[in-house]
Protein backbone atom coordinates (compact mmCIF):
# COMPACT_ATOMS: atom_id res chain seq x y z
CA MET A 1 50.75 56.15 8.88
CA ARG A 2 49.07 56.13 5.49
CA SER A 3 50.36 53.84 2.79
CA GLY A 4 50.12 53.74 -0.98
CA ILE A 5 50.92 57.42 -1.44
CA SER A 6 53.32 58.22 -4.24
CA ALA A 7 55.82 61.06 -4.24
CA LEU A 8 53.51 62.91 -6.61
CA ALA A 9 50.91 63.11 -3.86
CA VAL A 10 53.05 65.29 -1.61
CA GLY A 11 51.41 68.68 -1.16
CA LEU A 12 48.25 67.76 -3.08
CA MET A 13 44.94 67.71 -1.23
CA GLY A 14 41.32 67.45 -2.29
CA GLY A 15 39.96 70.96 -2.75
CA LEU A 16 43.40 72.42 -3.27
CA ALA A 17 43.44 76.11 -2.49
CA PHE A 18 46.17 78.51 -1.51
CA GLY A 19 45.98 80.97 1.38
CA GLN A 20 45.65 81.00 5.11
CA ALA A 21 42.75 79.30 6.83
CA PRO A 22 40.42 81.43 8.98
CA THR A 23 40.66 81.10 12.75
CA ILE A 24 37.58 79.33 14.10
CA ASP A 25 36.20 81.58 16.85
CA GLY A 26 32.87 82.92 15.59
CA THR A 27 34.29 85.98 13.82
CA ALA A 28 34.66 86.22 10.04
CA ASP A 29 38.36 86.93 9.49
CA ALA A 30 39.79 88.79 6.51
CA GLU A 31 40.74 85.38 5.05
CA TYR A 32 37.11 84.90 4.01
CA GLY A 33 37.27 87.78 1.58
CA ALA A 34 34.12 89.51 0.36
CA ALA A 35 30.64 88.45 1.45
CA LEU A 36 28.99 85.87 -0.82
CA ALA A 37 25.43 86.67 0.30
CA VAL A 38 23.85 89.60 2.18
CA GLN A 39 20.46 89.55 3.85
CA ASN A 40 17.82 91.79 2.23
CA THR A 41 14.88 91.14 4.59
CA SER A 42 14.14 92.28 8.15
CA THR A 43 13.76 89.46 10.68
CA GLN A 44 10.51 88.23 12.18
CA PHE A 45 12.40 85.93 14.57
CA GLY A 46 13.47 88.74 16.93
CA ASP A 47 15.98 91.56 16.51
CA ALA A 48 18.82 90.60 18.86
CA ASN A 49 20.01 93.32 21.23
CA MET A 50 21.64 91.56 24.21
CA GLY A 51 25.21 91.81 22.91
CA LEU A 52 26.41 88.62 24.63
CA VAL A 53 28.60 86.05 22.89
CA ASP A 54 26.37 83.17 24.01
CA PHE A 55 22.78 83.90 25.09
CA CYS A 56 20.71 85.81 22.58
CA ASN A 57 17.10 87.02 22.17
CA GLY A 58 16.73 86.98 18.40
CA SER A 59 17.69 85.21 15.17
CA GLU A 60 18.90 86.67 11.89
CA ALA A 61 21.08 85.51 8.99
CA ASP A 62 22.84 88.69 7.92
CA VAL A 63 25.81 87.67 5.77
CA GLY A 64 27.20 84.50 4.24
CA TYR A 65 30.98 84.10 3.98
CA ALA A 66 32.89 81.03 2.79
CA VAL A 67 36.31 79.99 1.59
CA ILE A 68 38.03 76.70 0.75
CA VAL A 69 41.53 76.07 2.09
CA ASP A 70 43.41 72.75 1.92
CA GLY A 71 40.38 70.51 1.49
CA VAL A 72 38.23 72.23 4.12
CA LEU A 73 35.14 74.39 3.57
CA TYR A 74 35.14 77.28 6.04
CA LEU A 75 31.63 78.67 6.36
CA HIS A 76 30.45 81.68 8.36
CA ILE A 77 26.79 82.66 8.71
CA ALA A 78 27.04 86.08 10.34
CA GLY A 79 24.12 87.18 12.51
CA ASN A 80 22.45 85.65 15.55
CA LEU A 81 20.76 82.44 16.66
CA GLU A 82 18.32 82.81 19.55
CA SER A 83 19.31 80.67 22.52
CA ASN A 84 15.91 78.94 22.68
CA TYR A 85 17.06 76.05 20.45
CA ASN A 86 15.86 77.60 17.24
CA HIS A 87 17.99 76.18 14.43
CA MET A 88 20.27 77.40 11.71
CA ASP A 89 19.71 74.83 8.99
CA ILE A 90 22.38 74.54 6.30
CA PHE A 91 22.04 72.56 3.09
CA ILE A 92 25.08 72.05 0.86
CA ASP A 93 25.18 71.06 -2.81
CA SER A 94 28.71 69.70 -3.18
CA VAL A 95 28.68 66.75 -5.61
CA PRO A 96 26.54 65.47 -8.48
CA GLY A 97 23.19 63.98 -7.48
CA GLY A 98 21.32 64.79 -4.30
CA GLN A 99 17.79 66.07 -3.78
CA ASN A 100 16.10 69.17 -5.18
CA LYS A 101 12.98 68.33 -3.14
CA LEU A 102 13.54 66.67 0.21
CA ARG A 103 12.40 63.09 0.48
CA GLY A 104 10.91 61.65 3.66
CA ASP A 105 13.37 58.78 4.04
CA ASN A 106 16.58 60.63 4.78
CA PRO A 107 18.74 59.82 7.84
CA ASP A 108 17.22 60.19 11.30
CA VAL A 109 19.17 63.07 12.82
CA ASP A 110 18.18 65.66 15.43
CA PHE A 111 15.12 63.62 16.49
CA ASN A 112 14.29 62.85 12.84
CA ASN A 113 13.73 66.52 12.09
CA LEU A 114 15.50 66.42 8.73
CA ASN A 115 12.59 64.28 7.63
CA ARG A 116 10.23 66.75 9.31
CA MET A 117 11.04 69.01 6.33
CA GLY A 118 10.70 66.23 3.75
CA ASP A 119 7.85 64.59 1.87
CA ASP A 120 5.23 63.27 4.30
CA GLY A 121 3.80 60.96 1.63
CA SER A 122 1.58 63.57 0.00
CA GLY A 123 4.19 64.72 -2.53
CA ASN A 124 5.24 67.82 -0.61
CA GLY A 125 8.74 68.51 0.81
CA LEU A 126 11.05 71.51 1.02
CA THR A 127 12.09 72.38 -2.53
CA PHE A 128 15.21 74.30 -3.50
CA ASP A 129 15.92 76.55 -6.47
CA ALA A 130 16.51 74.95 -9.84
CA GLY A 131 20.13 73.83 -10.08
CA PHE A 132 20.45 73.17 -6.33
CA GLU A 133 20.43 69.52 -5.25
CA ALA A 134 21.26 69.13 -1.58
CA ASP A 135 23.91 66.51 -0.71
CA ILE A 136 24.69 67.45 2.90
CA PHE A 137 22.60 68.75 5.79
CA MET A 138 23.95 70.45 8.90
CA THR A 139 22.04 72.10 11.71
CA VAL A 140 23.12 74.17 14.70
CA ALA A 141 21.14 75.13 17.80
CA GLY A 142 22.00 76.43 21.25
CA GLY A 143 20.55 77.25 24.64
CA ASP A 144 20.75 76.81 28.39
CA VAL A 145 21.94 73.31 29.34
CA GLY A 146 21.39 73.99 33.03
CA GLY A 147 22.61 76.41 35.63
CA GLY A 148 22.88 79.28 33.19
CA THR A 149 25.47 77.47 31.07
CA TYR A 150 25.22 77.85 27.31
CA GLY A 151 25.61 74.83 25.03
CA LEU A 152 25.81 74.63 21.24
CA PHE A 153 24.75 71.45 19.41
CA SER A 154 25.21 70.26 15.84
CA ASN A 155 24.07 67.41 13.59
CA TRP A 156 25.19 66.28 10.12
CA ALA A 157 23.63 64.02 7.50
CA GLN A 158 24.09 62.81 3.95
CA ILE A 159 21.26 63.52 1.51
CA LEU A 160 21.50 60.83 -1.13
CA THR A 161 19.55 60.89 -4.40
CA ASP A 162 17.55 57.80 -3.43
CA GLY A 163 17.31 58.51 0.29
CA GLY A 164 18.96 56.68 3.14
CA GLY A 165 22.58 57.44 3.96
CA GLU A 166 24.43 58.27 7.15
CA GLY A 167 23.53 60.76 9.85
CA ARG A 168 25.49 61.83 12.91
CA TYR A 169 25.01 63.82 16.07
CA LEU A 170 28.32 65.69 15.96
CA GLY A 171 28.37 66.74 19.58
CA GLN A 172 28.21 69.72 21.92
CA GLY A 173 30.36 72.82 21.89
CA GLY A 174 30.14 76.38 23.09
CA ALA A 175 30.38 80.05 22.22
CA VAL A 176 33.63 81.66 21.01
CA THR A 177 35.59 78.41 21.15
CA ASP A 178 37.95 76.79 18.65
CA GLY A 179 34.98 74.81 17.34
CA ALA A 180 35.79 71.47 18.97
CA LEU A 181 32.75 69.31 19.75
CA PHE A 182 32.43 66.56 22.35
CA GLY A 183 30.09 63.71 23.16
CA GLY A 184 29.10 62.89 19.58
CA ASN A 185 30.20 61.03 16.46
CA ASN A 186 32.51 63.35 14.53
CA PRO A 187 35.20 61.20 12.88
CA ASN A 188 36.55 63.86 10.52
CA GLY A 189 36.60 66.69 13.03
CA ILE A 190 33.96 69.17 11.85
CA LEU A 191 34.32 72.36 13.90
CA VAL A 192 31.39 74.54 15.02
CA THR A 193 31.18 77.63 17.23
CA ILE A 194 29.19 80.85 17.59
CA ASP A 195 29.65 84.48 18.59
CA ASN A 196 26.13 85.75 19.30
CA SER A 197 27.13 89.33 20.19
CA ASN A 198 25.83 91.03 17.03
CA THR A 199 23.39 93.91 17.59
CA ALA A 200 23.63 95.38 14.08
CA GLY A 201 22.48 93.87 10.80
CA VAL A 202 18.80 93.77 9.88
CA LEU A 203 16.03 95.20 12.02
CA GLY A 204 12.86 93.52 13.19
CA GLY A 205 10.03 93.30 10.66
CA ASN A 206 9.33 91.91 7.20
CA GLY A 207 10.38 94.67 4.83
CA LEU A 208 13.44 95.19 2.69
CA ASP A 209 16.62 95.61 4.72
CA ASP A 210 20.42 95.31 4.57
CA GLY A 211 22.43 92.93 6.77
CA SER A 212 25.83 93.96 5.44
CA GLY A 213 28.79 94.58 7.71
CA VAL A 214 28.09 91.91 10.32
CA THR A 215 31.11 89.68 11.01
CA THR A 216 30.10 87.63 14.07
CA GLY A 217 27.88 84.56 14.08
CA ILE A 218 28.04 80.82 13.40
CA GLU A 219 31.37 79.54 12.10
CA ILE A 220 31.92 76.02 10.76
CA ALA A 221 34.84 74.12 9.24
CA ILE A 222 33.87 71.02 7.23
CA PRO A 223 36.54 68.67 5.83
CA PHE A 224 35.92 67.59 2.25
CA ALA A 225 35.52 64.01 3.47
CA ASP A 226 32.20 65.12 5.02
CA LEU A 227 31.13 66.83 1.78
CA GLY A 228 31.60 63.83 -0.52
CA ASN A 229 35.00 65.08 -1.71
CA PRO A 230 33.73 67.80 -4.07
CA THR A 231 35.61 68.65 -7.25
CA GLY A 232 33.71 71.76 -8.36
CA ASP A 233 31.91 74.77 -6.97
CA ILE A 234 29.92 74.34 -3.76
CA LYS A 235 26.47 75.84 -3.18
CA VAL A 236 25.10 76.71 0.24
CA CYS A 237 21.52 77.39 1.37
CA ALA A 238 21.14 78.53 4.99
CA PHE A 239 18.06 79.61 6.93
CA VAL A 240 16.64 80.02 10.42
CA ASN A 241 14.09 77.39 11.47
CA GLY A 242 12.07 76.65 14.58
CA LEU A 243 12.74 74.31 17.48
CA SER A 244 11.45 71.23 15.66
CA HIS A 245 12.45 72.40 12.16
CA ASP A 246 8.76 73.04 11.60
CA PHE A 247 8.52 76.80 10.99
CA LEU A 248 10.87 78.40 8.47
CA ALA A 249 11.76 82.04 9.14
CA ASN A 250 12.08 84.83 6.60
CA GLN A 251 15.84 84.71 7.25
CA VAL A 252 17.32 82.86 4.27
CA LEU A 253 20.64 83.33 2.45
CA GLY A 254 20.25 84.47 -0.29
CA GLY A 255 17.40 86.64 0.87
CA ILE A 256 13.75 86.47 -0.12
CA GLY A 257 13.50 90.19 -0.99
CA GLY A 258 11.18 91.14 1.85
CA GLY A 259 8.25 89.17 3.18
CA GLU A 260 6.69 87.21 6.00
CA ASN A 261 8.06 84.08 7.65
CA LEU A 262 7.80 81.18 5.23
CA GLY A 263 6.17 78.83 7.75
CA GLU A 264 5.69 75.11 7.10
CA PRO A 265 8.96 73.92 5.47
CA ARG A 266 7.27 71.11 3.53
CA ASN A 267 5.26 73.70 1.61
CA VAL A 268 8.19 76.00 0.79
CA ASN A 269 9.45 76.09 -2.80
CA PHE A 270 12.39 78.45 -3.19
CA ALA A 271 11.99 78.28 -6.97
CA ASN A 272 8.81 80.35 -6.54
CA ILE A 273 10.69 83.15 -4.77
CA GLY A 274 12.64 85.74 -6.73
CA GLY A 275 16.42 85.41 -6.79
CA ASP A 276 18.57 82.52 -5.60
CA GLN A 277 18.08 81.26 -2.06
CA PHE A 278 21.66 79.96 -2.02
CA PHE A 279 25.17 81.25 -2.61
CA THR A 280 28.11 79.71 -4.43
CA VAL A 281 31.63 79.06 -3.12
CA SER A 282 34.20 78.88 -5.90
CA GLY A 283 37.28 76.70 -5.81
CA GLY A 284 36.08 73.24 -4.87
CA GLY A 285 38.29 70.44 -6.14
CA GLY A 286 41.30 70.90 -8.34
CA GLY A 287 44.76 69.42 -8.02
CA CYS A 288 43.65 65.79 -8.29
CA ASP A 289 43.45 65.23 -12.02
CA SER A 290 44.20 62.00 -13.86
CA ASP A 291 46.39 61.92 -16.97
CA ALA A 292 43.67 60.33 -19.06
CA CYS A 293 40.40 58.43 -18.68
CA ASN A 294 39.51 55.86 -21.32
CA GLY A 295 35.90 55.36 -20.22
CA SER A 296 36.40 51.71 -19.30
CA GLU A 297 37.70 52.23 -15.77
CA THR A 298 35.86 50.78 -12.79
CA LEU A 299 36.32 51.64 -9.12
CA THR A 300 35.91 49.18 -6.25
CA ILE A 301 36.14 50.12 -2.56
CA LYS A 302 37.18 47.55 0.05
CA VAL A 303 37.23 48.18 3.80
CA ARG A 304 38.45 46.06 6.71
CA ALA A 305 39.81 46.42 10.23
CA LYS A 306 43.59 46.29 10.60
CA GLY A 307 46.10 47.00 13.32
CA CYS A 308 46.48 50.52 11.99
CA GLY A 309 42.71 51.09 12.23
CA CYS A 310 40.28 51.16 9.30
CA LEU A 311 41.99 50.13 6.07
CA VAL A 312 40.31 51.67 3.03
CA LYS A 313 41.46 50.31 -0.33
CA ALA A 314 40.46 51.84 -3.66
CA ILE A 315 41.01 49.65 -6.73
CA ILE A 316 40.81 50.96 -10.28
CA LYS A 317 40.63 48.40 -13.07
CA GLY A 318 40.53 48.90 -16.82
CA GLY A 319 42.84 51.90 -16.69
CA THR A 320 45.42 53.01 -19.19
CA PRO A 321 48.82 51.41 -18.40
CA ASP A 322 51.37 53.86 -16.98
CA ALA A 323 48.82 56.70 -16.82
CA ASN A 324 48.60 58.56 -13.49
CA TYR A 325 45.22 58.44 -11.78
CA GLY A 326 44.13 60.97 -9.15
CA VAL A 327 42.20 59.36 -6.29
CA LEU A 328 40.47 61.46 -3.62
CA THR A 329 40.41 59.33 -0.48
CA SER A 330 37.59 59.40 2.06
CA SER A 331 39.78 61.58 4.31
CA GLY A 332 40.07 64.19 1.56
CA GLU A 333 43.64 63.38 0.52
CA CYS A 334 44.61 63.30 -3.15
CA VAL A 335 46.79 60.39 -4.22
CA LEU A 336 48.33 60.26 -7.70
CA LYS A 337 49.42 56.79 -8.74
CA ALA A 338 50.34 55.19 -12.05
CA ALA A 339 48.41 52.22 -13.42
CA ASN A 340 50.41 49.03 -13.85
CA ALA A 341 50.82 47.12 -17.12
CA ARG A 342 47.35 45.62 -16.67
CA GLY A 343 45.74 49.02 -16.10
CA LYS A 344 45.24 48.47 -12.38
CA VAL A 345 45.70 51.02 -9.60
CA ALA A 346 45.46 50.22 -5.89
CA VAL A 347 45.47 52.97 -3.28
CA LYS A 348 45.44 52.12 0.42
CA GLU A 349 44.83 54.43 3.35
CA CYS A 350 45.17 53.45 7.00
CA PRO A 351 43.83 54.79 9.22
CA GLY A 352 41.02 55.65 6.84
CA VAL A 353 37.56 57.05 7.52
CA SER A 354 34.03 56.49 6.31
CA GLY A 355 33.07 58.64 3.35
CA THR A 356 33.24 59.01 -0.40
CA VAL A 357 36.25 57.84 -2.42
CA SER A 358 36.41 59.21 -5.95
CA VAL A 359 38.41 59.48 -9.14
CA PRO A 360 37.18 62.97 -10.11
CA SER A 361 38.53 63.14 -13.66
CA CYS A 362 36.89 59.84 -14.58
CA GLY A 363 33.59 60.44 -12.82
CA LEU A 364 34.03 57.42 -10.55
CA SER A 365 33.04 57.28 -6.87
CA GLY A 366 32.19 54.82 -4.13
CA ILE A 367 31.39 54.79 -0.40
CA ALA A 368 33.75 53.53 2.28
CA THR A 369 32.03 52.43 5.49
CA CYS A 370 34.49 51.68 8.25
CA PRO A 371 33.63 48.97 10.79
């Protein structure tokens, strides 16, 4: 069990939000509320018409839905993803820092294809709208794994301001499942599934269109621990990309307002396209405030193996004696604990997980890397 949690921590979680969580099955439930982005461009990646939940002959990103419940971002990209291993690439701006233009030294995930979109040394690299700095990358692809069996695959990576960071193959799943993945490295339990049965939404072509009303597609649940424990709004940019992440479709949320496929990702600059090629999810963070920050606090993260698993210890020094400090652990739990007479706070979590530990109110954060 976890230790170091005060009575004040009961019922408080990173990303506190009230309401019922959506059911992960590939359908956007009523819990998502209104659409946050609607496609305005016909698809040049095939207008799907098979109507099957798994195999599909076209790709389109019709509608973006998202909601935050109990420290989890639930994300639904309604539409279709062709079962030829084309990708739905998702970039998330969740915490301060990150990259507005993708570097070429990010984590090697999905056969190093995140870096296939980044700077190749010539100063290029996929560039987002002003005000969007990607912190997290996820990608989803699916197809025949043999014998007519459909498989869905997903990868995740950090996008740190100075490059590097951690990347993971999350595992394999399937269509219209509960989102569980197997065979990968998924310590915080990200869920991913798809319902590919949509035959509505946008048509084939490159003109103006309307993807509204579609409620089946790719559904993902991401714990805050895999988002850097955000404390504010979360921005999402999602688009269809080719097999090797080397040919960006005209299917982007938010939409491009009509037009051809965007092509080589390294040469794409969303800032040069009208409107925002992202949408915003309100309600990140909250419920993990400190009483006061004096500006002199420091945060140190210590990790070691124990009988209970990975022990993650967060130590605040220089705090205000007797003041309560809110610490978001790497598992996304909020712990409120009072500083002692020397201004020190120690919060332990075991079993803990790798990820970001932060004191949101004081602007402090650090990385826990479990052995």
